[in-house]
PDB file of N, CA and C in Angstrom:
ATOM      1  N   MET A   1     -16.394   4.092 -39.058  1.00  0.00           N
ATOM      2  CA  MET A   1     -17.258   3.139 -38.401  1.00  0.00           C
ATOM      3  C   MET A   1     -16.608   2.597 -37.131  1.00  0.00           C
ATOM      4  N   LEU A   2     -15.332   2.327 -37.181  1.00  0.00           N
ATOM      5  CA  LEU A   2     -14.631   1.834 -35.997  1.00  0.00           C
ATOM      6  C   LEU A   2     -14.713   2.851 -34.866  1.00  0.00           C
ATOM      7  N   ARG A   3     -14.640   4.118 -35.235  1.00  0.00           N
ATOM      8  CA  ARG A   3     -14.733   5.156 -34.221  1.00  0.00           C
ATOM      9  C   ARG A   3     -16.078   5.106 -33.528  1.00  0.00           C
ATOM     10  N   GLY A   4     -17.122   4.891 -34.243  1.00  0.00           N
ATOM     11  CA  GLY A   4     -18.444   4.786 -33.652  1.00  0.00           C
ATOM     12  C   GLY A   4     -18.581   3.566 -32.758  1.00  0.00           C
ATOM     13  N   LEU A   5     -17.984   2.478 -33.135  1.00  0.00           N
ATOM     14  CA  LEU A   5     -18.067   1.253 -32.338  1.00  0.00           C
ATOM     15  C   LEU A   5     -17.248   1.342 -31.056  1.00  0.00           C
ATOM     16  N   CYS A   6     -16.186   2.115 -31.100  1.00  0.00           N
ATOM     17  CA  CYS A   6     -15.289   2.196 -29.949  1.00  0.00           C
ATOM     18  C   CYS A   6     -15.605   3.386 -29.062  1.00  0.00           C
ATOM     19  N   GLY A   7     -16.729   4.004 -29.257  1.00  0.00           N
ATOM     20  CA  GLY A   7     -17.093   5.124 -28.389  1.00  0.00           C
ATOM     21  C   GLY A   7     -16.192   6.318 -28.589  1.00  0.00           C
ATOM     22  N   GLY A   8     -15.917   6.665 -29.822  1.00  0.00           N
ATOM     23  CA  GLY A   8     -15.082   7.831 -30.081  1.00  0.00           C
ATOM     24  C   GLY A   8     -13.612   7.562 -29.864  1.00  0.00           C
ATOM     25  N   GLY A   9     -13.205   6.324 -29.885  1.00  0.00           N
ATOM     26  CA  GLY A   9     -11.791   6.008 -29.734  1.00  0.00           C
ATOM     27  C   GLY A   9     -11.362   5.772 -28.294  1.00  0.00           C
ATOM     28  N   LEU A  10     -12.249   5.910 -27.337  1.00  0.00           N
ATOM     29  CA  LEU A  10     -11.871   5.728 -25.942  1.00  0.00           C
ATOM     30  C   LEU A  10     -11.417   4.305 -25.635  1.00  0.00           C
ATOM     31  N   LEU A  11     -12.045   3.353 -26.262  1.00  0.00           N
ATOM     32  CA  LEU A  11     -11.655   1.976 -26.020  1.00  0.00           C
ATOM     33  C   LEU A  11     -10.227   1.742 -26.459  1.00  0.00           C
ATOM     34  N   LEU A  12      -9.856   2.296 -27.620  1.00  0.00           N
ATOM     35  CA  LEU A  12      -8.495   2.128 -28.115  1.00  0.00           C
ATOM     36  C   LEU A  12      -7.499   2.868 -27.226  1.00  0.00           C
ATOM     37  N   ALA A  13      -7.876   4.021 -26.703  1.00  0.00           N
ATOM     38  CA  ALA A  13      -6.971   4.776 -25.844  1.00  0.00           C
ATOM     39  C   ALA A  13      -6.803   4.104 -24.497  1.00  0.00           C
ATOM     40  N   ALA A  14      -7.830   3.407 -24.030  1.00  0.00           N
ATOM     41  CA  ALA A  14      -7.753   2.765 -22.717  1.00  0.00           C
ATOM     42  C   ALA A  14      -6.938   1.488 -22.753  1.00  0.00           C
ATOM     43  N   ALA A  15      -6.868   0.836 -23.892  1.00  0.00           N
ATOM     44  CA  ALA A  15      -6.162  -0.440 -23.969  1.00  0.00           C
ATOM     45  C   ALA A  15      -4.704  -0.338 -23.564  1.00  0.00           C
ATOM     46  N   PRO A  16      -3.912   0.663 -24.034  1.00  0.00           N
ATOM     47  CA  PRO A  16      -2.521   0.740 -23.591  1.00  0.00           C
ATOM     48  C   PRO A  16      -2.400   0.975 -22.086  1.00  0.00           C
ATOM     49  N   ALA A  17      -3.301   1.738 -21.494  1.00  0.00           N
ATOM     50  CA  ALA A  17      -3.247   1.979 -20.051  1.00  0.00           C
ATOM     51  C   ALA A  17      -3.481   0.686 -19.288  1.00  0.00           C
ATOM     52  N   LEU A  18      -4.410  -0.123 -19.750  1.00  0.00           N
ATOM     53  CA  LEU A  18      -4.654  -1.401 -19.089  1.00  0.00           C
ATOM     54  C   LEU A  18      -3.456  -2.316 -19.214  1.00  0.00           C
ATOM     55  N   ALA A  19      -2.810  -2.289 -20.371  1.00  0.00           N
ATOM     56  CA  ALA A  19      -1.630  -3.132 -20.566  1.00  0.00           C
ATOM     57  C   ALA A  19      -0.512  -2.702 -19.631  1.00  0.00           C
ATOM     58  N   MET A  20      -0.333  -1.400 -19.424  1.00  0.00           N
ATOM     59  CA  MET A  20       0.726  -0.931 -18.532  1.00  0.00           C
ATOM     60  C   MET A  20       0.446  -1.366 -17.094  1.00  0.00           C
ATOM     61  N   GLU A  21      -0.800  -1.287 -16.652  1.00  0.00           N
ATOM     62  CA  GLU A  21      -1.130  -1.715 -15.301  1.00  0.00           C
ATOM     63  C   GLU A  21      -0.870  -3.194 -15.117  1.00  0.00           C
ATOM     64  N   ALA A  22      -1.167  -3.994 -16.115  1.00  0.00           N
ATOM     65  CA  ALA A  22      -0.953  -5.437 -16.020  1.00  0.00           C
ATOM     66  C   ALA A  22       0.528  -5.757 -15.966  1.00  0.00           C
ATOM     67  N   ASP A  23       1.389  -4.913 -16.570  1.00  0.00           N
ATOM     68  CA  ASP A  23       2.824  -5.147 -16.579  1.00  0.00           C
ATOM     69  C   ASP A  23       3.521  -4.612 -15.331  1.00  0.00           C
ATOM     70  N   ALA A  24       2.822  -3.865 -14.499  1.00  0.00           N
ATOM     71  CA  ALA A  24       3.434  -3.294 -13.303  1.00  0.00           C
ATOM     72  C   ALA A  24       3.855  -4.415 -12.365  1.00  0.00           C
ATOM     73  N   PRO A  25       5.033  -4.294 -11.747  1.00  0.00           N
ATOM     74  CA  PRO A  25       5.473  -5.349 -10.831  1.00  0.00           C
ATOM     75  C   PRO A  25       4.576  -5.390  -9.598  1.00  0.00           C
ATOM     76  N   PRO A  26       4.408  -6.564  -9.020  1.00  0.00           N
ATOM     77  CA  PRO A  26       3.585  -6.656  -7.815  1.00  0.00           C
ATOM     78  C   PRO A  26       4.264  -5.912  -6.669  1.00  0.00           C
ATOM     79  N   PRO A  27       3.502  -5.455  -5.696  1.00  0.00           N
ATOM     80  CA  PRO A  27       4.116  -4.747  -4.573  1.00  0.00           C
ATOM     81  C   PRO A  27       5.041  -5.681  -3.800  1.00  0.00           C
ATOM     82  N   GLU A  28       6.120  -5.123  -3.316  1.00  0.00           N
ATOM     83  CA  GLU A  28       7.081  -5.898  -2.540  1.00  0.00           C
ATOM     84  C   GLU A  28       6.710  -5.827  -1.067  1.00  0.00           C
ATOM     85  N   GLY A  29       6.860  -6.934  -0.383  1.00  0.00           N
ATOM     86  CA  GLY A  29       6.557  -6.972   1.032  1.00  0.00           C
ATOM     87  C   GLY A  29       7.627  -6.285   1.862  1.00  0.00           C
ATOM     88  N   TRP A  30       7.302  -6.038   3.106  1.00  0.00           N
ATOM     89  CA  TRP A  30       8.193  -5.329   4.029  1.00  0.00           C
ATOM     90  C   TRP A  30       8.185  -6.068   5.354  1.00  0.00           C
ATOM     91  N   ALA A  31       9.375  -6.301   5.904  1.00  0.00           N
ATOM     92  CA  ALA A  31       9.494  -6.978   7.185  1.00  0.00           C
ATOM     93  C   ALA A  31       9.914  -6.022   8.297  1.00  0.00           C
ATOM     94  N   GLY A  32      10.415  -4.842   7.934  1.00  0.00           N
ATOM     95  CA  GLY A  32      10.834  -3.870   8.939  1.00  0.00           C
ATOM     96  C   GLY A  32      12.144  -4.246   9.610  1.00  0.00           C
ATOM     97  N   VAL A  33      13.023  -4.876   8.839  1.00  0.00           N
ATOM     98  CA  VAL A  33      14.296  -5.328   9.408  1.00  0.00           C
ATOM     99  C   VAL A  33      15.425  -5.045   8.420  1.00  0.00           C
ATOM    100  N   ARG A  34      16.573  -4.694   8.944  1.00  0.00           N
ATOM    101  CA  ARG A  34      17.778  -4.511   8.130  1.00  0.00           C
ATOM    102  C   ARG A  34      18.846  -5.445   8.685  1.00  0.00           C
ATOM    103  N   LEU A  35      19.512  -6.169   7.773  1.00  0.00           N
ATOM    104  CA  LEU A  35      20.513  -7.150   8.179  1.00  0.00           C
ATOM    105  C   LEU A  35      21.856  -6.845   7.549  1.00  0.00           C
ATOM    106  N   ALA A  36      22.917  -7.287   8.220  1.00  0.00           N
ATOM    107  CA  ALA A  36      24.264  -7.270   7.655  1.00  0.00           C
ATOM    108  C   ALA A  36      24.677  -8.724   7.512  1.00  0.00           C
ATOM    109  N   ILE A  37      24.967  -9.142   6.277  1.00  0.00           N
ATOM    110  CA  ILE A  37      25.374 -10.518   6.022  1.00  0.00           C
ATOM    111  C   ILE A  37      26.895 -10.583   6.120  1.00  0.00           C
ATOM    112  N   VAL A  38      27.374 -11.318   7.119  1.00  0.00           N
ATOM    113  CA  VAL A  38      28.810 -11.458   7.340  1.00  0.00           C
ATOM    114  C   VAL A  38      29.097 -12.897   7.736  1.00  0.00           C
ATOM    115  N   GLY A  39      30.032 -13.520   7.050  1.00  0.00           N
ATOM    116  CA  GLY A  39      30.459 -14.870   7.412  1.00  0.00           C
ATOM    117  C   GLY A  39      29.334 -15.892   7.379  1.00  0.00           C
ATOM    118  N   GLY A  40      28.419 -15.761   6.429  1.00  0.00           N
ATOM    119  CA  GLY A  40      27.346 -16.740   6.299  1.00  0.00           C
ATOM    120  C   GLY A  40      26.225 -16.579   7.308  1.00  0.00           C
ATOM    121  N   GLU A  41      26.189 -15.433   7.984  1.00  0.00           N
ATOM    122  CA  GLU A  41      25.124 -15.163   8.950  1.00  0.00           C
ATOM    123  C   GLU A  41      24.537 -13.779   8.667  1.00  0.00           C
ATOM    124  N   GLY A  42      23.272 -13.624   8.977  1.00  0.00           N
ATOM    125  CA  GLY A  42      22.605 -12.333   8.809  1.00  0.00           C
ATOM    126  C   GLY A  42      22.285 -11.730  10.161  1.00  0.00           C
ATOM    127  N   ARG A  43      23.097 -10.797  10.589  1.00  0.00           N
ATOM    128  CA  ARG A  43      22.873 -10.148  11.889  1.00  0.00           C
ATOM    129  C   ARG A  43      21.924  -8.972  11.714  1.00  0.00           C
ATOM    130  N   ILE A  44      20.886  -8.925  12.551  1.00  0.00           N
ATOM    131  CA  ILE A  44      19.918  -7.829  12.499  1.00  0.00           C
ATOM    132  C   ILE A  44      20.575  -6.583  13.075  1.00  0.00           C
ATOM    133  N   THR A  45      20.666  -5.541  12.218  1.00  0.00           N
ATOM    134  CA  THR A  45      21.312  -4.297  12.635  1.00  0.00           C
ATOM    135  C   THR A  45      20.306  -3.193  12.949  1.00  0.00           C
ATOM    136  N   GLN A  46      19.134  -3.249  12.313  1.00  0.00           N
ATOM    137  CA  GLN A  46      18.079  -2.269  12.577  1.00  0.00           C
ATOM    138  C   GLN A  46      16.735  -2.958  12.522  1.00  0.00           C
ATOM    139  N   LEU A  47      15.845  -2.478  13.352  1.00  0.00           N
ATOM    140  CA  LEU A  47      14.516  -3.069  13.439  1.00  0.00           C
ATOM    141  C   LEU A  47      13.506  -1.945  13.615  1.00  0.00           C
ATOM    142  N   ASP A  48      12.515  -1.896  12.747  1.00  0.00           N
ATOM    143  CA  ASP A  48      11.451  -0.910  12.897  1.00  0.00           C
ATOM    144  C   ASP A  48      10.527  -1.409  14.009  1.00  0.00           C
ATOM    145  N   PRO A  49      10.319  -0.628  15.058  1.00  0.00           N
ATOM    146  CA  PRO A  49       9.504  -1.095  16.180  1.00  0.00           C
ATOM    147  C   PRO A  49       8.048  -1.379  15.819  1.00  0.00           C
ATOM    148  N   LEU A  50       7.571  -0.831  14.684  1.00  0.00           N
ATOM    149  CA  LEU A  50       6.197  -1.075  14.247  1.00  0.00           C
ATOM    150  C   LEU A  50       6.114  -2.158  13.176  1.00  0.00           C
ATOM    151  N   GLY A  51       7.246  -2.713  12.780  1.00  0.00           N
ATOM    152  CA  GLY A  51       7.275  -3.666  11.678  1.00  0.00           C
ATOM    153  C   GLY A  51       6.950  -5.092  12.084  1.00  0.00           C
ATOM    154  N   PRO A  52       6.687  -5.932  11.084  1.00  0.00           N
ATOM    155  CA  PRO A  52       6.355  -7.336  11.331  1.00  0.00           C
ATOM    156  C   PRO A  52       7.445  -8.104  12.084  1.00  0.00           C
ATOM    157  N   ALA A  53       8.717  -7.810  11.803  1.00  0.00           N
ATOM    158  CA  ALA A  53       9.807  -8.539  12.463  1.00  0.00           C
ATOM    159  C   ALA A  53       9.820  -8.256  13.974  1.00  0.00           C
ATOM    160  N   ALA A  54       9.659  -7.004  14.349  1.00  0.00           N
ATOM    161  CA  ALA A  54       9.632  -6.648  15.773  1.00  0.00           C
ATOM    162  C   ALA A  54       8.420  -7.268  16.460  1.00  0.00           C
ATOM    163  N   ARG A  55       7.272  -7.224  15.803  1.00  0.00           N
ATOM    164  CA  ARG A  55       6.073  -7.809  16.401  1.00  0.00           C
ATOM    165  C   ARG A  55       6.179  -9.323  16.532  1.00  0.00           C
ATOM    166  N   ALA A  56       7.002  -9.940  15.672  1.00  0.00           N
ATOM    167  CA  ALA A  56       7.201 -11.391  15.753  1.00  0.00           C
ATOM    168  C   ALA A  56       8.195 -11.765  16.849  1.00  0.00           C
ATOM    169  N   GLY A  57       8.847 -10.767  17.448  1.00  0.00           N
ATOM    170  CA  GLY A  57       9.757 -11.041  18.555  1.00  0.00           C
ATOM    171  C   GLY A  57      11.227 -10.948  18.230  1.00  0.00           C
ATOM    172  N   LEU A  58      11.578 -10.546  17.025  1.00  0.00           N
ATOM    173  CA  LEU A  58      12.997 -10.392  16.693  1.00  0.00           C
ATOM    174  C   LEU A  58      13.562  -9.162  17.381  1.00  0.00           C
ATOM    175  N   ARG A  59      14.887  -9.191  17.611  1.00  0.00           N
ATOM    176  CA  ARG A  59      15.576  -8.082  18.268  1.00  0.00           C
ATOM    177  C   ARG A  59      16.837  -7.729  17.495  1.00  0.00           C
ATOM    178  N   THR A  60      17.279  -6.485  17.647  1.00  0.00           N
ATOM    179  CA  THR A  60      18.568  -6.088  17.088  1.00  0.00           C
ATOM    180  C   THR A  60      19.638  -6.985  17.709  1.00  0.00           C
ATOM    181  N   GLY A  61      20.532  -7.493  16.873  1.00  0.00           N
ATOM    182  CA  GLY A  61      21.589  -8.390  17.340  1.00  0.00           C
ATOM    183  C   GLY A  61      21.282  -9.860  17.116  1.00  0.00           C
ATOM    184  N   ASP A  62      20.002 -10.212  16.907  1.00  0.00           N
ATOM    185  CA  ASP A  62      19.667 -11.604  16.566  1.00  0.00           C
ATOM    186  C   ASP A  62      20.387 -11.974  15.279  1.00  0.00           C
ATOM    187  N   VAL A  63      20.696 -13.254  15.139  1.00  0.00           N
ATOM    188  CA  VAL A  63      21.395 -13.735  13.948  1.00  0.00           C
ATOM    189  C   VAL A  63      20.470 -14.672  13.177  1.00  0.00           C
ATOM    190  N   VAL A  64      20.175 -14.320  11.926  1.00  0.00           N
ATOM    191  CA  VAL A  64      19.350 -15.162  11.063  1.00  0.00           C
ATOM    192  C   VAL A  64      20.284 -16.150  10.371  1.00  0.00           C
ATOM    193  N   ILE A  65      19.999 -17.447  10.523  1.00  0.00           N
ATOM    194  CA  ILE A  65      20.867 -18.459   9.931  1.00  0.00           C
ATOM    195  C   ILE A  65      20.198 -19.223   8.795  1.00  0.00           C
ATOM    196  N   ALA A  66      18.879 -19.076   8.632  1.00  0.00           N
ATOM    197  CA  ALA A  66      18.158 -19.733   7.544  1.00  0.00           C
ATOM    198  C   ALA A  66      16.803 -19.064   7.368  1.00  0.00           C
ATOM    199  N   SER A  67      16.224 -19.256   6.171  1.00  0.00           N
ATOM    200  CA  SER A  67      14.888 -18.708   5.919  1.00  0.00           C
ATOM    201  C   SER A  67      14.071 -19.694   5.108  1.00  0.00           C
ATOM    202  N   ASN A  68      12.814 -19.831   5.483  1.00  0.00           N
ATOM    203  CA  ASN A  68      11.861 -20.704   4.791  1.00  0.00           C
ATOM    204  C   ASN A  68      12.415 -22.102   4.529  1.00  0.00           C
ATOM    205  N   GLY A  69      13.142 -22.628   5.489  1.00  0.00           N
ATOM    206  CA  GLY A  69      13.656 -23.988   5.380  1.00  0.00           C
ATOM    207  C   GLY A  69      14.901 -24.115   4.533  1.00  0.00           C
ATOM    208  N   GLY A  70      15.361 -23.046   3.929  1.00  0.00           N
ATOM    209  CA  GLY A  70      16.572 -23.064   3.114  1.00  0.00           C
ATOM    210  C   GLY A  70      17.689 -22.342   3.841  1.00  0.00           C
ATOM    211  N   GLY A  71      18.799 -22.273   3.196  1.00  0.00           N
ATOM    212  CA  GLY A  71      19.930 -21.565   3.788  1.00  0.00           C
ATOM    213  C   GLY A  71      19.771 -20.066   3.695  1.00  0.00           C
ATOM    214  N   LEU A  72      20.788 -19.377   4.088  1.00  0.00           N
ATOM    215  CA  LEU A  72      20.770 -17.918   4.084  1.00  0.00           C
ATOM    216  C   LEU A  72      20.654 -17.355   2.667  1.00  0.00           C
ATOM    217  N   GLU A  73      21.023 -18.152   1.656  1.00  0.00           N
ATOM    218  CA  GLU A  73      20.927 -17.680   0.273  1.00  0.00           C
ATOM    219  C   GLU A  73      19.484 -17.431  -0.155  1.00  0.00           C
ATOM    220  N   THR A  74      18.521 -17.949   0.577  1.00  0.00           N
ATOM    221  CA  THR A  74      17.111 -17.725   0.244  1.00  0.00           C
ATOM    222  C   THR A  74      16.526 -16.518   0.973  1.00  0.00           C
ATOM    223  N   LEU A  75      17.307 -15.889   1.824  1.00  0.00           N
ATOM    224  CA  LEU A  75      16.798 -14.799   2.668  1.00  0.00           C
ATOM    225  C   LEU A  75      16.316 -13.599   1.861  1.00  0.00           C
ATOM    226  N   SER A  76      17.101 -13.145   0.905  1.00  0.00           N
ATOM    227  CA  SER A  76      16.701 -11.985   0.103  1.00  0.00           C
ATOM    228  C   SER A  76      15.374 -12.218  -0.590  1.00  0.00           C
ATOM    229  N   ALA A  77      15.230 -13.351  -1.223  1.00  0.00           N
ATOM    230  CA  ALA A  77      13.983 -13.656  -1.927  1.00  0.00           C
ATOM    231  C   ALA A  77      12.817 -13.767  -0.951  1.00  0.00           C
ATOM    232  N   ALA A  78      13.051 -14.364   0.203  1.00  0.00           N
ATOM    233  CA  ALA A  78      11.985 -14.525   1.194  1.00  0.00           C
ATOM    234  C   ALA A  78      11.498 -13.168   1.694  1.00  0.00           C
ATOM    235  N   LEU A  79      12.423 -12.253   1.968  1.00  0.00           N
ATOM    236  CA  LEU A  79      12.037 -10.943   2.489  1.00  0.00           C
ATOM    237  C   LEU A  79      11.521 -10.005   1.412  1.00  0.00           C
ATOM    238  N   ALA A  80      11.672 -10.372   0.135  1.00  0.00           N
ATOM    239  CA  ALA A  80      11.169  -9.550  -0.959  1.00  0.00           C
ATOM    240  C   ALA A  80       9.854 -10.094  -1.505  1.00  0.00           C
ATOM    241  N   GLY A  81       9.232 -11.001  -0.788  1.00  0.00           N
ATOM    242  CA  GLY A  81       7.962 -11.564  -1.242  1.00  0.00           C
ATOM    243  C   GLY A  81       6.851 -10.532  -1.225  1.00  0.00           C
ATOM    244  N   ALA A  82       5.703 -10.946  -1.648  1.00  0.00           N
ATOM    245  CA  ALA A  82       4.541 -10.053  -1.714  1.00  0.00           C
ATOM    246  C   ALA A  82       3.932  -9.848  -0.328  1.00  0.00           C
ATOM    247  N   PRO A  83       3.280  -8.718  -0.100  1.00  0.00           N
ATOM    248  CA  PRO A  83       2.563  -8.521   1.159  1.00  0.00           C
ATOM    249  C   PRO A  83       1.597  -9.679   1.389  1.00  0.00           C
ATOM    250  N   GLY A  84       1.562 -10.164   2.617  1.00  0.00           N
ATOM    251  CA  GLY A  84       0.701 -11.283   2.972  1.00  0.00           C
ATOM    252  C   GLY A  84       1.431 -12.618   3.008  1.00  0.00           C
ATOM    253  N   GLU A  85       2.626 -12.682   2.410  1.00  0.00           N
ATOM    254  CA  GLU A  85       3.389 -13.931   2.429  1.00  0.00           C
ATOM    255  C   GLU A  85       4.018 -14.139   3.805  1.00  0.00           C
ATOM    256  N   GLN A  86       4.031 -15.395   4.234  1.00  0.00           N
ATOM    257  CA  GLN A  86       4.644 -15.742   5.516  1.00  0.00           C
ATOM    258  C   GLN A  86       6.104 -16.118   5.296  1.00  0.00           C
ATOM    259  N   VAL A  87       6.962 -15.660   6.209  1.00  0.00           N
ATOM    260  CA  VAL A  87       8.389 -15.959   6.158  1.00  0.00           C
ATOM    261  C   VAL A  87       8.770 -16.620   7.481  1.00  0.00           C
ATOM    262  N   ALA A  88       9.450 -17.752   7.394  1.00  0.00           N
ATOM    263  CA  ALA A  88       9.946 -18.446   8.586  1.00  0.00           C
ATOM    264  C   ALA A  88      11.451 -18.235   8.650  1.00  0.00           C
ATOM    265  N   LEU A  89      11.917 -17.622   9.728  1.00  0.00           N
ATOM    266  CA  LEU A  89      13.339 -17.356   9.910  1.00  0.00           C
ATOM    267  C   LEU A  89      13.876 -18.207  11.051  1.00  0.00           C
ATOM    268  N   GLU A  90      14.959 -18.905  10.799  1.00  0.00           N
ATOM    269  CA  GLU A  90      15.674 -19.641  11.852  1.00  0.00           C
ATOM    270  C   GLU A  90      16.640 -18.632  12.460  1.00  0.00           C
ATOM    271  N   VAL A  91      16.511 -18.393  13.763  1.00  0.00           N
ATOM    272  CA  VAL A  91      17.241 -17.310  14.427  1.00  0.00           C
ATOM    273  C   VAL A  91      18.022 -17.860  15.610  1.00  0.00           C
ATOM    274  N   ARG A  92      19.235 -17.327  15.759  1.00  0.00           N
ATOM    275  CA  ARG A  92      20.047 -17.641  16.934  1.00  0.00           C
ATOM    276  C   ARG A  92      20.151 -16.375  17.789  1.00  0.00           C
ATOM    277  N   ARG A  93      19.854 -16.534  19.066  1.00  0.00           N
ATOM    278  CA  ARG A  93      19.996 -15.448  20.037  1.00  0.00           C
ATOM    279  C   ARG A  93      20.777 -16.032  21.198  1.00  0.00           C
ATOM    280  N   GLY A  94      21.985 -15.544  21.398  1.00  0.00           N
ATOM    281  CA  GLY A  94      22.849 -16.139  22.425  1.00  0.00           C
ATOM    282  C   GLY A  94      23.136 -17.581  22.052  1.00  0.00           C
ATOM    283  N   GLN A  95      22.878 -18.505  22.972  1.00  0.00           N
ATOM    284  CA  GLN A  95      23.092 -19.933  22.704  1.00  0.00           C
ATOM    285  C   GLN A  95      21.835 -20.621  22.191  1.00  0.00           C
ATOM    286  N   GLY A  96      20.706 -19.934  22.225  1.00  0.00           N
ATOM    287  CA  GLY A  96      19.435 -20.552  21.827  1.00  0.00           C
ATOM    288  C   GLY A  96      19.124 -20.351  20.346  1.00  0.00           C
ATOM    289  N   ARG A  97      18.300 -21.252  19.828  1.00  0.00           N
ATOM    290  CA  ARG A  97      17.814 -21.176  18.443  1.00  0.00           C
ATOM    291  C   ARG A  97      16.305 -21.307  18.455  1.00  0.00           C
ATOM    292  N   ARG A  98      15.666 -20.621  17.523  1.00  0.00           N
ATOM    293  CA  ARG A  98      14.218 -20.759  17.385  1.00  0.00           C
ATOM    294  C   ARG A  98      13.792 -20.323  16.000  1.00  0.00           C
ATOM    295  N   THR A  99      12.590 -20.723  15.635  1.00  0.00           N
ATOM    296  CA  THR A  99      12.011 -20.303  14.363  1.00  0.00           C
ATOM    297  C   THR A  99      11.002 -19.204  14.639  1.00  0.00           C
ATOM    298  N   VAL A 100      11.141 -18.118  13.921  1.00  0.00           N
ATOM    299  CA  VAL A 100      10.240 -16.975  14.057  1.00  0.00           C
ATOM    300  C   VAL A 100       9.472 -16.855  12.745  1.00  0.00           C
ATOM    301  N   ARG A 101       8.163 -16.730  12.839  1.00  0.00           N
ATOM    302  CA  ARG A 101       7.328 -16.573  11.650  1.00  0.00           C
ATOM    303  C   ARG A 101       6.749 -15.159  11.640  1.00  0.00           C
ATOM    304  N   LEU A 102       6.855 -14.533  10.494  1.00  0.00           N
ATOM    305  CA  LEU A 102       6.283 -13.203  10.334  1.00  0.00           C
ATOM    306  C   LEU A 102       5.569 -13.137   8.998  1.00  0.00           C
ATOM    307  N   VAL A 103       4.679 -12.172   8.865  1.00  0.00           N
ATOM    308  CA  VAL A 103       3.926 -11.968   7.630  1.00  0.00           C
ATOM    309  C   VAL A 103       4.342 -10.626   7.044  1.00  0.00           C
ATOM    310  N   LEU A 104       4.803 -10.657   5.799  1.00  0.00           N
ATOM    311  CA  LEU A 104       5.214  -9.428   5.129  1.00  0.00           C
ATOM    312  C   LEU A 104       4.013  -8.505   4.936  1.00  0.00           C
ATOM    313  N   GLU A 105       4.277  -7.205   5.026  1.00  0.00           N
ATOM    314  CA  GLU A 105       3.227  -6.197   4.878  1.00  0.00           C
ATOM    315  C   GLU A 105       3.659  -5.153   3.863  1.00  0.00           C
ATOM    316  N   GLN A 106       2.730  -4.298   3.484  1.00  0.00           N
ATOM    317  CA  GLN A 106       3.114  -3.095   2.757  1.00  0.00           C
ATOM    318  C   GLN A 106       3.663  -2.139   3.800  1.00  0.00           C
ATOM    319  N   GLN A 107       4.737  -1.457   3.494  1.00  0.00           N
ATOM    320  CA  GLN A 107       5.402  -0.630   4.484  1.00  0.00           C
ATOM    321  C   GLN A 107       4.491   0.402   5.120  1.00  0.00           C
ATOM    322  N   ASP A 108       3.633   1.027   4.349  1.00  0.00           N
ATOM    323  CA  ASP A 108       2.770   2.068   4.902  1.00  0.00           C
ATOM    324  C   ASP A 108       1.653   1.519   5.784  1.00  0.00           C
ATOM    325  N   SER A 109       1.402   0.212   5.756  1.00  0.00           N
ATOM    326  CA  SER A 109       0.311  -0.343   6.552  1.00  0.00           C
ATOM    327  C   SER A 109       0.619  -0.353   8.052  1.00  0.00           C
ATOM    328  N   ALA A 110       1.890  -0.278   8.429  1.00  0.00           N
ATOM    329  CA  ALA A 110       2.253  -0.315   9.848  1.00  0.00           C
ATOM    330  C   ALA A 110       2.298   1.079  10.458  1.00  0.00           C
ATOM    331  N   ARG A 111       2.179   2.090   9.645  1.00  0.00           N
ATOM    332  CA  ARG A 111       2.262   3.471  10.139  1.00  0.00           C
ATOM    333  C   ARG A 111       0.916   3.973  10.631  1.00  0.00           C
ATOM    334  N   PRO A 112       0.911   4.589  11.828  1.00  0.00           N
ATOM    335  CA  PRO A 112      -0.347   5.150  12.345  1.00  0.00           C
ATOM    336  C   PRO A 112      -0.787   6.359  11.565  1.00  0.00           C
TER     337      PRO A 112
END
């Protein structure tokens, strides 16, 4: 009788698949930037020219000194947020400082 109610068992077979999809981790965001953390500073070593960081005005050699209002210790978590999340980076370039805001994307979304 249960087999008849479940459409030949399809409902029971679909339940584990739905559970696996619900357990899948959310997609990680992408900023298109690579940093080297040295002496409490994050120096930008590589920048994807099509990525959110480059479009926000960051350059190779810029130094990230804070993220999202916290210290550099919050940088990894900020850059690993979900696509669509905004990240505010406090950046030093030469003698100047400024805040740069970028929106994390899925990596493939910036590719033509």
